[in-house]
Amino acid sequence: STQKKKENQRTFHNPWKMLRVLSSTRRCGASVPRLLSSVADDDPGLHKSPITDALWKQRRAEKEIYEGSGNYEELPPQVELQVKSPADSEVRIDYDFATDSALRDRYTNCWGAVDKGVLLEDCDAIAGNVSWRHAVLGNGRTVRPPVLVTAAVDEVRMRGSLRPDTSAFMRGRVVFVGSSSMLVRCEVGPAAKGGPAGGNKEEPLMVADFLYVARDRVTGRASKVNRLEVSEAADVALFDEKLAEVEAKRAARGMGAEAKLALDDATKRKASARVGEAQALIRMPALQAHRGVLVGATELQ
């Protein structure tokens, strides 16, 4: 009919709609058959990226081996805590962008750079694997495993951009453990030739800290997690830094009104100094020696 022809013309001659169709086809068309064949999968992290897919499958396989039958109400909670090192739960992934063109295309955005959003998805997945290995792996099949929840992404620092034609690495490890929480640090950067085994130092360009809390599957209350023992100098320094932050927050909660007012005055002075720097950066940007960035310049919509 004439009405259907007009609707078809509007559909195919709408450039914005065609752009959305082409964009969605380019982004997920390769994974549509796999997605449709795995509708019954209950893993929400599957099919986001090849690395996230592999991490979720690895986690599911380890759970089937180490978590027991699944009748958690009949199992007692963990009482004896293990002592682990960061290396016991560390997970590392190598991105072979230099030779794998399909992987490189999957992680390259429309500007020809590595998509940081996809890397953050991978960081979230690898942090989940690391936290599970620290809190559950090795506890045995006779105790009830806790539920691990991502409480917050504590901090994300960008020190540069990855090149899509250079191989990269991603590693995650536990850097601090509280009573029922743990902090997982994920690092992403260009991979050195031969890797860390060859004695080459790898500097991360992106660092993200994920805070996890453990909850009892039956009662829903906080569940204690395995202890952390650090021996290397870098791990000790990082552990002491996070411990100082935790103690400072604890002390702030226990402060009296007068101490809090003094702390507020110090914070106000520091904020006023920052505002003065921002005003100078706005009015005379060419005369500023430091590389300050205004808050408005970081906005995305």
C-alpha atoms as a PDB file:
ATOM      1  CA  SER A   1       0.000   0.000   0.000  1.00  0.00           C
ATOM      2  CA  THR A   2       0.956   3.661  -0.362  1.00  0.00           C
ATOM      3  CA  GLN A   3       1.179   4.118   3.416  1.00  0.00           C
ATOM      4  CA  LYS A   4       3.626   1.194   3.812  1.00  0.00           C
ATOM      5  CA  LYS A   5       5.803   2.560   0.989  1.00  0.00           C
ATOM      6  CA  LYS A   6       5.976   5.943   2.737  1.00  0.00           C
ATOM      7  CA  GLU A   7       6.913   4.253   6.038  1.00  0.00           C
ATOM      8  CA  ASN A   8       9.657   2.275   4.287  1.00  0.00           C
ATOM      9  CA  GLN A   9      10.963   5.438   2.656  1.00  0.00           C
ATOM     10  CA  ARG A  10      11.063   7.231   5.999  1.00  0.00           C
ATOM     11  CA  THR A  11      12.838   4.245   7.553  1.00  0.00           C
ATOM     12  CA  PHE A  12      15.587   3.866   4.967  1.00  0.00           C
ATOM     13  CA  HIS A  13      16.091   7.561   4.279  1.00  0.00           C
ATOM     14  CA  ASN A  14      16.500   8.508   7.927  1.00  0.00           C
ATOM     15  CA  PRO A  15      20.285   8.912   8.265  1.00  0.00           C
ATOM     16  CA  TRP A  16      20.271   8.896  12.075  1.00  0.00           C
ATOM     17  CA  LYS A  17      18.361   5.647  12.238  1.00  0.00           C
ATOM     18  CA  MET A  18      20.645   4.046   9.647  1.00  0.00           C
ATOM     19  CA  LEU A  19      23.652   5.235  11.641  1.00  0.00           C
ATOM     20  CA  ARG A  20      22.297   3.604  14.788  1.00  0.00           C
ATOM     21  CA  VAL A  21      21.599   0.363  12.912  1.00  0.00           C
ATOM     22  CA  LEU A  22      25.056   0.283  11.335  1.00  0.00           C
ATOM     23  CA  SER A  23      26.731   1.159  14.636  1.00  0.00           C
ATOM     24  CA  SER A  24      24.924  -1.573  16.570  1.00  0.00           C
ATOM     25  CA  THR A  25      25.583  -4.104  13.794  1.00  0.00           C
ATOM     26  CA  ARG A  26      29.291  -3.269  13.719  1.00  0.00           C
ATOM     27  CA  ARG A  27      29.590  -3.436  17.478  1.00  0.00           C
ATOM     28  CA  CYS A  28      27.727  -6.643  18.309  1.00  0.00           C
ATOM     29  CA  GLY A  29      27.003  -8.376  15.018  1.00  0.00           C
ATOM     30  CA  ALA A  30      29.890 -10.797  15.415  1.00  0.00           C
ATOM     31  CA  SER A  31      28.600 -12.000  18.778  1.00  0.00           C
ATOM     32  CA  VAL A  32      24.881 -12.272  17.960  1.00  0.00           C
ATOM     33  CA  PRO A  33      24.919 -16.025  17.098  1.00  0.00           C
ATOM     34  CA  ARG A  34      26.937 -16.808  20.214  1.00  0.00           C
ATOM     35  CA  LEU A  35      24.612 -14.660  22.331  1.00  0.00           C
ATOM     36  CA  LEU A  36      21.496 -16.342  20.947  1.00  0.00           C
ATOM     37  CA  SER A  37      22.971 -19.800  21.505  1.00  0.00           C
ATOM     38  CA  SER A  38      23.697 -19.015  25.174  1.00  0.00           C
ATOM     39  CA  VAL A  39      20.470 -17.406  26.302  1.00  0.00           C
ATOM     40  CA  ALA A  40      20.290 -19.839  29.200  1.00  0.00           C
ATOM     41  CA  ASP A  41      23.592 -18.599  30.655  1.00  0.00           C
ATOM     42  CA  ASP A  42      23.111 -16.898  34.009  1.00  0.00           C
ATOM     43  CA  ASP A  43      26.392 -14.953  33.920  1.00  0.00           C
ATOM     44  CA  PRO A  44      25.673 -11.242  33.401  1.00  0.00           C
ATOM     45  CA  GLY A  45      29.270 -10.507  32.420  1.00  0.00           C
ATOM     46  CA  LEU A  46      29.312 -12.754  29.373  1.00  0.00           C
ATOM     47  CA  HIS A  47      29.466 -11.356  25.835  1.00  0.00           C
ATOM     48  CA  LYS A  48      30.655  -7.845  26.782  1.00  0.00           C
ATOM     49  CA  SER A  49      34.186  -8.327  25.463  1.00  0.00           C
ATOM     50  CA  PRO A  50      36.346 -11.382  24.668  1.00  0.00           C
ATOM     51  CA  ILE A  51      38.404 -10.880  27.833  1.00  0.00           C
ATOM     52  CA  THR A  52      35.378 -10.339  30.097  1.00  0.00           C
ATOM     53  CA  ASP A  53      33.780 -13.403  28.516  1.00  0.00           C
ATOM     54  CA  ALA A  54      36.864 -15.528  29.277  1.00  0.00           C
ATOM     55  CA  LEU A  55      37.095 -14.215  32.853  1.00  0.00           C
ATOM     56  CA  TRP A  56      33.472 -15.044  33.625  1.00  0.00           C
ATOM     57  CA  LYS A  57      33.842 -18.531  32.176  1.00  0.00           C
ATOM     58  CA  GLN A  58      36.980 -19.047  34.254  1.00  0.00           C
ATOM     59  CA  ARG A  59      35.187 -17.881  37.400  1.00  0.00           C
ATOM     60  CA  ARG A  60      32.231 -20.162  36.715  1.00  0.00           C
ATOM     61  CA  ALA A  61      34.534 -23.168  36.167  1.00  0.00           C
ATOM     62  CA  GLU A  62      36.422 -22.472  39.403  1.00  0.00           C
ATOM     63  CA  LYS A  63      33.157 -22.101  41.316  1.00  0.00           C
ATOM     64  CA  GLU A  64      31.954 -25.493  40.089  1.00  0.00           C
ATOM     65  CA  ILE A  65      35.204 -27.046  41.308  1.00  0.00           C
ATOM     66  CA  TYR A  66      35.694 -25.309  44.660  1.00  0.00           C
ATOM     67  CA  GLU A  67      32.321 -24.070  45.907  1.00  0.00           C
ATOM     68  CA  GLY A  68      30.605 -27.371  46.569  1.00  0.00           C
ATOM     69  CA  SER A  69      27.078 -28.498  45.761  1.00  0.00           C
ATOM     70  CA  GLY A  70      25.274 -25.202  46.339  1.00  0.00           C
ATOM     71  CA  ASN A  71      23.268 -26.239  49.456  1.00  0.00           C
ATOM     72  CA  TYR A  72      24.699 -23.307  51.390  1.00  0.00           C
ATOM     73  CA  GLU A  73      22.122 -23.433  54.222  1.00  0.00           C
ATOM     74  CA  GLU A  74      23.491 -26.805  55.283  1.00  0.00           C
ATOM     75  CA  LEU A  75      27.124 -25.643  55.351  1.00  0.00           C
ATOM     76  CA  PRO A  76      28.675 -23.790  58.325  1.00  0.00           C
ATOM     77  CA  PRO A  77      30.289 -20.368  57.833  1.00  0.00           C
ATOM     78  CA  GLN A  78      34.052 -20.072  57.615  1.00  0.00           C
ATOM     79  CA  VAL A  79      35.703 -19.795  61.029  1.00  0.00           C
ATOM     80  CA  GLU A  80      39.408 -20.406  60.433  1.00  0.00           C
ATOM     81  CA  LEU A  81      40.750 -17.685  58.153  1.00  0.00           C
ATOM     82  CA  GLN A  82      43.626 -18.296  55.777  1.00  0.00           C
ATOM     83  CA  VAL A  83      46.623 -16.016  55.363  1.00  0.00           C
ATOM     84  CA  LYS A  84      47.346 -15.236  51.721  1.00  0.00           C
ATOM     85  CA  SER A  85      49.763 -13.074  49.795  1.00  0.00           C
ATOM     86  CA  PRO A  86      48.839 -10.789  46.868  1.00  0.00           C
ATOM     87  CA  ALA A  87      50.438 -13.284  44.490  1.00  0.00           C
ATOM     88  CA  ASP A  88      48.032 -16.056  45.593  1.00  0.00           C
ATOM     89  CA  SER A  89      45.053 -14.292  44.008  1.00  0.00           C
ATOM     90  CA  GLU A  90      46.769 -12.271  41.270  1.00  0.00           C
ATOM     91  CA  VAL A  91      45.316 -12.521  37.762  1.00  0.00           C
ATOM     92  CA  ARG A  92      47.100 -11.264  34.657  1.00  0.00           C
ATOM     93  CA  ILE A  93      45.854 -10.890  31.074  1.00  0.00           C
ATOM     94  CA  ASP A  94      47.919 -10.045  28.001  1.00  0.00           C
ATOM     95  CA  TYR A  95      46.304  -8.180  25.082  1.00  0.00           C
ATOM     96  CA  ASP A  96      48.052  -9.173  21.863  1.00  0.00           C
ATOM     97  CA  PHE A  97      47.043  -6.068  19.931  1.00  0.00           C
ATOM     98  CA  ALA A  98      50.214  -6.135  17.827  1.00  0.00           C
ATOM     99  CA  THR A  99      49.380  -9.398  16.011  1.00  0.00           C
ATOM    100  CA  ASP A 100      45.667 -10.078  16.671  1.00  0.00           C
ATOM    101  CA  SER A 101      43.774  -7.733  14.348  1.00  0.00           C
ATOM    102  CA  ALA A 102      40.327  -8.963  15.461  1.00  0.00           C
ATOM    103  CA  LEU A 103      41.111  -8.219  19.098  1.00  0.00           C
ATOM    104  CA  ARG A 104      42.599  -4.857  18.154  1.00  0.00           C
ATOM    105  CA  ASP A 105      39.459  -3.869  16.230  1.00  0.00           C
ATOM    106  CA  ARG A 106      37.248  -4.897  19.147  1.00  0.00           C
ATOM    107  CA  TYR A 107      39.087  -2.566  21.524  1.00  0.00           C
ATOM    108  CA  THR A 108      39.591   0.377  19.146  1.00  0.00           C
ATOM    109  CA  ASN A 109      37.098   3.229  19.270  1.00  0.00           C
ATOM    110  CA  CYS A 110      35.998   5.512  16.416  1.00  0.00           C
ATOM    111  CA  TRP A 111      38.948   7.857  17.035  1.00  0.00           C
ATOM    112  CA  GLY A 112      41.509   5.104  16.508  1.00  0.00           C
ATOM    113  CA  ALA A 113      42.453   4.836  20.202  1.00  0.00           C
ATOM    114  CA  VAL A 114      41.965   2.042  22.719  1.00  0.00           C
ATOM    115  CA  ASP A 115      38.469   2.274  24.241  1.00  0.00           C
ATOM    116  CA  LYS A 116      38.925   2.952  27.967  1.00  0.00           C
ATOM    117  CA  GLY A 117      35.309   2.018  28.676  1.00  0.00           C
ATOM    118  CA  VAL A 118      35.870  -1.552  27.481  1.00  0.00           C
ATOM    119  CA  LEU A 119      39.079  -1.705  29.519  1.00  0.00           C
ATOM    120  CA  LEU A 120      37.145  -0.636  32.635  1.00  0.00           C
ATOM    121  CA  GLU A 121      34.662  -3.453  31.988  1.00  0.00           C
ATOM    122  CA  ASP A 122      37.581  -5.865  31.868  1.00  0.00           C
ATOM    123  CA  CYS A 123      38.976  -4.331  35.083  1.00  0.00           C
ATOM    124  CA  ASP A 124      35.632  -4.957  36.787  1.00  0.00           C
ATOM    125  CA  ALA A 125      35.670  -8.586  35.636  1.00  0.00           C
ATOM    126  CA  ILE A 126      39.264  -9.245  36.634  1.00  0.00           C
ATOM    127  CA  ALA A 127      38.682  -7.620  40.044  1.00  0.00           C
ATOM    128  CA  GLY A 128      35.786 -10.022  40.614  1.00  0.00           C
ATOM    129  CA  ASN A 129      38.028 -13.002  39.826  1.00  0.00           C
ATOM    130  CA  VAL A 130      40.770 -11.692  42.130  1.00  0.00           C
ATOM    131  CA  SER A 131      38.378 -11.082  45.054  1.00  0.00           C
ATOM    132  CA  TRP A 132      36.841 -14.535  44.621  1.00  0.00           C
ATOM    133  CA  ARG A 133      40.261 -16.191  44.612  1.00  0.00           C
ATOM    134  CA  HIS A 134      41.260 -14.401  47.792  1.00  0.00           C
ATOM    135  CA  ALA A 135      38.017 -14.863  49.731  1.00  0.00           C
ATOM    136  CA  VAL A 136      36.837 -18.294  48.539  1.00  0.00           C
ATOM    137  CA  LEU A 137      39.549 -20.257  46.757  1.00  0.00           C
ATOM    138  CA  GLY A 138      41.164 -22.805  49.073  1.00  0.00           C
ATOM    139  CA  ASN A 139      38.571 -22.556  51.864  1.00  0.00           C
ATOM    140  CA  GLY A 140      37.293 -26.051  51.085  1.00  0.00           C
ATOM    141  CA  ARG A 141      33.932 -27.440  50.035  1.00  0.00           C
ATOM    142  CA  THR A 142      32.755 -27.937  53.626  1.00  0.00           C
ATOM    143  CA  VAL A 143      32.273 -24.231  54.491  1.00  0.00           C
ATOM    144  CA  ARG A 144      29.769 -21.703  53.205  1.00  0.00           C
ATOM    145  CA  PRO A 145      31.326 -19.288  50.679  1.00  0.00           C
ATOM    146  CA  PRO A 146      30.462 -15.603  51.109  1.00  0.00           C
ATOM    147  CA  VAL A 147      28.727 -13.363  48.605  1.00  0.00           C
ATOM    148  CA  LEU A 148      31.154 -10.775  47.225  1.00  0.00           C
ATOM    149  CA  VAL A 149      29.682  -7.387  46.330  1.00  0.00           C
ATOM    150  CA  THR A 150      31.381  -4.491  44.562  1.00  0.00           C
ATOM    151  CA  ALA A 151      30.880  -1.670  47.058  1.00  0.00           C
ATOM    152  CA  ALA A 152      32.653   1.074  45.105  1.00  0.00           C
ATOM    153  CA  VAL A 153      35.248   1.916  42.511  1.00  0.00           C
ATOM    154  CA  ASP A 154      37.467   3.731  44.969  1.00  0.00           C
ATOM    155  CA  GLU A 155      39.728   5.517  42.509  1.00  0.00           C
ATOM    156  CA  VAL A 156      40.611   5.563  38.796  1.00  0.00           C
ATOM    157  CA  ARG A 157      43.788   7.251  37.600  1.00  0.00           C
ATOM    158  CA  MET A 158      44.730   7.800  33.958  1.00  0.00           C
ATOM    159  CA  ARG A 159      48.385   8.502  33.234  1.00  0.00           C
ATOM    160  CA  GLY A 160      48.282   8.200  29.455  1.00  0.00           C
ATOM    161  CA  SER A 161      46.693   6.397  26.524  1.00  0.00           C
ATOM    162  CA  LEU A 162      47.430   2.974  25.116  1.00  0.00           C
ATOM    163  CA  ARG A 163      48.338   2.602  21.474  1.00  0.00           C
ATOM    164  CA  PRO A 164      46.163   0.080  19.612  1.00  0.00           C
ATOM    165  CA  ASP A 165      49.166  -1.301  17.713  1.00  0.00           C
ATOM    166  CA  THR A 166      51.100  -2.119  20.907  1.00  0.00           C
ATOM    167  CA  SER A 167      50.426  -5.157  23.082  1.00  0.00           C
ATOM    168  CA  ALA A 168      49.165  -4.412  26.573  1.00  0.00           C
ATOM    169  CA  PHE A 169      48.728  -6.113  29.921  1.00  0.00           C
ATOM    170  CA  MET A 170      46.136  -6.042  32.678  1.00  0.00           C
ATOM    171  CA  ARG A 171      46.749  -7.405  36.155  1.00  0.00           C
ATOM    172  CA  GLY A 172      44.759  -7.385  39.355  1.00  0.00           C
ATOM    173  CA  ARG A 173      45.723  -8.224  42.922  1.00  0.00           C
ATOM    174  CA  VAL A 174      44.512  -7.642  46.467  1.00  0.00           C
ATOM    175  CA  VAL A 175      46.381  -4.739  48.092  1.00  0.00           C
ATOM    176  CA  PHE A 176      44.464  -4.284  51.359  1.00  0.00           C
ATOM    177  CA  VAL A 177      42.102  -6.343  53.499  1.00  0.00           C
ATOM    178  CA  GLY A 178      39.861  -5.210  56.328  1.00  0.00           C
ATOM    179  CA  SER A 179      37.621  -7.281  58.543  1.00  0.00           C
ATOM    180  CA  SER A 180      35.000  -8.022  55.879  1.00  0.00           C
ATOM    181  CA  SER A 181      36.265  -5.973  52.943  1.00  0.00           C
ATOM    182  CA  MET A 182      39.169  -6.002  50.504  1.00  0.00           C
ATOM    183  CA  LEU A 183      40.652  -3.574  48.029  1.00  0.00           C
ATOM    184  CA  VAL A 184      41.599  -4.904  44.594  1.00  0.00           C
ATOM    185  CA  ARG A 185      43.950  -2.862  42.418  1.00  0.00           C
ATOM    186  CA  CYS A 186      43.781  -3.265  38.623  1.00  0.00           C
ATOM    187  CA  GLU A 187      46.565  -1.926  36.427  1.00  0.00           C
ATOM    188  CA  VAL A 188      46.666  -1.563  32.636  1.00  0.00           C
ATOM    189  CA  GLY A 189      49.691  -0.581  30.568  1.00  0.00           C
ATOM    190  CA  PRO A 190      51.914  -1.429  27.591  1.00  0.00           C
ATOM    191  CA  ALA A 191      53.430  -4.887  27.859  1.00  0.00           C
ATOM    192  CA  ALA A 192      57.210  -5.173  27.940  1.00  0.00           C
ATOM    193  CA  LYS A 193      58.980  -7.644  25.690  1.00  0.00           C
ATOM    194  CA  GLY A 194      59.286 -10.927  27.505  1.00  0.00           C
ATOM    195  CA  GLY A 195      56.906  -9.765  30.219  1.00  0.00           C
ATOM    196  CA  PRO A 196      57.799  -9.480  33.910  1.00  0.00           C
ATOM    197  CA  ALA A 197      59.451 -12.909  33.771  1.00  0.00           C
ATOM    198  CA  GLY A 198      62.172 -11.423  31.586  1.00  0.00           C
ATOM    199  CA  GLY A 199      63.093  -8.883  34.262  1.00  0.00           C
ATOM    200  CA  ASN A 200      61.471  -5.987  32.403  1.00  0.00           C
ATOM    201  CA  LYS A 201      59.586  -3.394  34.433  1.00  0.00           C
ATOM    202  CA  GLU A 202      56.071  -2.576  33.258  1.00  0.00           C
ATOM    203  CA  GLU A 203      54.616   0.821  34.115  1.00  0.00           C
ATOM    204  CA  PRO A 204      50.788   1.020  34.237  1.00  0.00           C
ATOM    205  CA  LEU A 205      48.990   3.833  32.443  1.00  0.00           C
ATOM    206  CA  MET A 206      45.601   3.188  34.069  1.00  0.00           C
ATOM    207  CA  VAL A 207      45.071   2.227  37.717  1.00  0.00           C
ATOM    208  CA  ALA A 208      41.671   1.438  39.257  1.00  0.00           C
ATOM    209  CA  ASP A 209      40.874   0.378  42.834  1.00  0.00           C
ATOM    210  CA  PHE A 210      37.775  -1.753  43.454  1.00  0.00           C
ATOM    211  CA  LEU A 211      36.355  -2.125  46.961  1.00  0.00           C
ATOM    212  CA  TYR A 212      34.633  -5.440  47.706  1.00  0.00           C
ATOM    213  CA  VAL A 213      32.637  -6.458  50.767  1.00  0.00           C
ATOM    214  CA  ALA A 214      31.771 -10.009  51.832  1.00  0.00           C
ATOM    215  CA  ARG A 215      28.284 -10.953  53.013  1.00  0.00           C
ATOM    216  CA  ASP A 216      26.976 -14.192  54.453  1.00  0.00           C
ATOM    217  CA  ARG A 217      24.728 -16.004  52.001  1.00  0.00           C
ATOM    218  CA  VAL A 218      22.205 -17.024  54.662  1.00  0.00           C
ATOM    219  CA  THR A 219      22.144 -14.247  57.271  1.00  0.00           C
ATOM    220  CA  GLY A 220      23.104 -11.349  54.993  1.00  0.00           C
ATOM    221  CA  ARG A 221      25.499 -10.008  57.621  1.00  0.00           C
ATOM    222  CA  ALA A 222      29.145  -9.108  57.137  1.00  0.00           C
ATOM    223  CA  SER A 223      31.391 -12.103  56.623  1.00  0.00           C
ATOM    224  CA  LYS A 224      35.074 -12.101  57.541  1.00  0.00           C
ATOM    225  CA  VAL A 225      37.556 -12.589  54.704  1.00  0.00           C
ATOM    226  CA  ASN A 226      40.976 -14.199  54.593  1.00  0.00           C
ATOM    227  CA  ARG A 227      43.911 -12.188  55.913  1.00  0.00           C
ATOM    228  CA  LEU A 228      46.572 -10.594  53.719  1.00  0.00           C
ATOM    229  CA  GLU A 229      50.319 -10.893  54.270  1.00  0.00           C
ATOM    230  CA  VAL A 230      52.609  -8.603  52.256  1.00  0.00           C
ATOM    231  CA  SER A 231      56.366  -8.995  51.953  1.00  0.00           C
ATOM    232  CA  GLU A 232      57.540  -7.048  48.901  1.00  0.00           C
ATOM    233  CA  ALA A 233      58.486  -3.408  49.435  1.00  0.00           C
ATOM    234  CA  ALA A 234      55.931  -2.018  46.950  1.00  0.00           C
ATOM    235  CA  ASP A 235      53.098  -4.075  48.470  1.00  0.00           C
ATOM    236  CA  VAL A 236      54.100  -3.078  52.020  1.00  0.00           C
ATOM    237  CA  ALA A 237      54.145   0.631  51.118  1.00  0.00           C
ATOM    238  CA  LEU A 238      50.746   0.376  49.437  1.00  0.00           C
ATOM    239  CA  PHE A 239      49.275  -1.573  52.362  1.00  0.00           C
ATOM    240  CA  ASP A 240      50.563   1.022  54.866  1.00  0.00           C
ATOM    241  CA  GLU A 241      49.131   3.836  52.734  1.00  0.00           C
ATOM    242  CA  LYS A 242      45.652   2.273  52.648  1.00  0.00           C
ATOM    243  CA  LEU A 243      45.854   1.444  56.354  1.00  0.00           C
ATOM    244  CA  ALA A 244      46.627   5.092  57.144  1.00  0.00           C
ATOM    245  CA  GLU A 245      43.597   6.180  55.099  1.00  0.00           C
ATOM    246  CA  VAL A 246      41.327   3.741  56.944  1.00  0.00           C
ATOM    247  CA  GLU A 247      42.616   4.864  60.350  1.00  0.00           C
ATOM    248  CA  ALA A 248      42.160   8.527  59.400  1.00  0.00           C
ATOM    249  CA  LYS A 249      38.532   7.890  58.429  1.00  0.00           C
ATOM    250  CA  ARG A 250      37.973   5.971  61.654  1.00  0.00           C
ATOM    251  CA  ALA A 251      39.478   8.793  63.695  1.00  0.00           C
ATOM    252  CA  ALA A 252      37.324  11.356  61.876  1.00  0.00           C
ATOM    253  CA  ARG A 253      34.194   9.404  62.793  1.00  0.00           C
ATOM    254  CA  GLY A 254      35.197   9.457  66.473  1.00  0.00           C
ATOM    255  CA  MET A 255      36.092  13.150  66.598  1.00  0.00           C
ATOM    256  CA  GLY A 256      34.280  15.602  68.804  1.00  0.00           C
ATOM    257  CA  ALA A 257      32.497  18.687  67.527  1.00  0.00           C
ATOM    258  CA  GLU A 258      35.459  21.033  68.176  1.00  0.00           C
ATOM    259  CA  ALA A 259      37.926  18.794  66.368  1.00  0.00           C
ATOM    260  CA  LYS A 260      35.575  18.483  63.427  1.00  0.00           C
ATOM    261  CA  LEU A 261      35.251  22.268  63.230  1.00  0.00           C
ATOM    262  CA  ALA A 262      39.030  22.631  63.134  1.00  0.00           C
ATOM    263  CA  LEU A 263      39.183  20.003  60.426  1.00  0.00           C
ATOM    264  CA  ASP A 264      36.459  21.814  58.494  1.00  0.00           C
ATOM    265  CA  ASP A 265      38.407  25.087  58.717  1.00  0.00           C
ATOM    266  CA  ALA A 266      41.512  23.401  57.299  1.00  0.00           C
ATOM    267  CA  THR A 267      39.426  21.924  54.495  1.00  0.00           C
ATOM    268  CA  LYS A 268      37.911  25.339  53.733  1.00  0.00           C
ATOM    269  CA  ARG A 269      41.355  26.923  53.517  1.00  0.00           C
ATOM    270  CA  LYS A 270      42.520  24.230  51.168  1.00  0.00           C
ATOM    271  CA  ALA A 271      39.380  24.617  49.039  1.00  0.00           C
ATOM    272  CA  SER A 272      39.841  28.396  48.885  1.00  0.00           C
ATOM    273  CA  ALA A 273      43.399  27.917  47.652  1.00  0.00           C
ATOM    274  CA  ARG A 274      42.160  25.550  44.947  1.00  0.00           C
ATOM    275  CA  VAL A 275      39.476  28.054  43.879  1.00  0.00           C
ATOM    276  CA  GLY A 276      42.141  30.750  43.601  1.00  0.00           C
ATOM    277  CA  GLU A 277      44.236  28.501  41.369  1.00  0.00           C
ATOM    278  CA  ALA A 278      41.181  27.771  39.215  1.00  0.00           C
ATOM    279  CA  GLN A 279      40.390  31.492  38.820  1.00  0.00           C
ATOM    280  CA  ALA A 280      43.958  32.178  37.685  1.00  0.00           C
ATOM    281  CA  LEU A 281      43.698  29.285  35.220  1.00  0.00           C
ATOM    282  CA  ILE A 282      40.460  30.730  33.817  1.00  0.00           C
ATOM    283  CA  ARG A 283      41.614  34.345  33.526  1.00  0.00           C
ATOM    284  CA  MET A 284      45.263  33.829  32.502  1.00  0.00           C
ATOM    285  CA  PRO A 285      45.674  30.273  31.222  1.00  0.00           C
ATOM    286  CA  ALA A 286      48.824  31.059  29.210  1.00  0.00           C
ATOM    287  CA  LEU A 287      50.677  32.163  32.354  1.00  0.00           C
ATOM    288  CA  GLN A 288      50.027  28.987  34.347  1.00  0.00           C
ATOM    289  CA  ALA A 289      53.027  26.677  34.618  1.00  0.00           C
ATOM    290  CA  HIS A 290      51.241  23.686  36.187  1.00  0.00           C
ATOM    291  CA  ARG A 291      49.032  21.326  34.204  1.00  0.00           C
ATOM    292  CA  GLY A 292      45.806  22.007  36.037  1.00  0.00           C
ATOM    293  CA  VAL A 293      42.497  20.794  34.623  1.00  0.00           C
ATOM    294  CA  LEU A 294      39.207  22.523  35.381  1.00  0.00           C
ATOM    295  CA  VAL A 295      36.277  20.401  36.490  1.00  0.00           C
ATOM    296  CA  GLY A 296      34.184  21.615  33.539  1.00  0.00           C
ATOM    297  CA  ALA A 297      36.816  20.380  31.100  1.00  0.00           C
ATOM    298  CA  THR A 298      36.260  16.783  32.280  1.00  0.00           C
ATOM    299  CA  GLU A 299      32.512  16.782  31.595  1.00  0.00           C
ATOM    300  CA  LEU A 300      31.047  14.335  29.081  1.00  0.00           C
ATOM    301  CA  GLN A 301      27.432  14.068  28.015  1.00  0.00           C
END
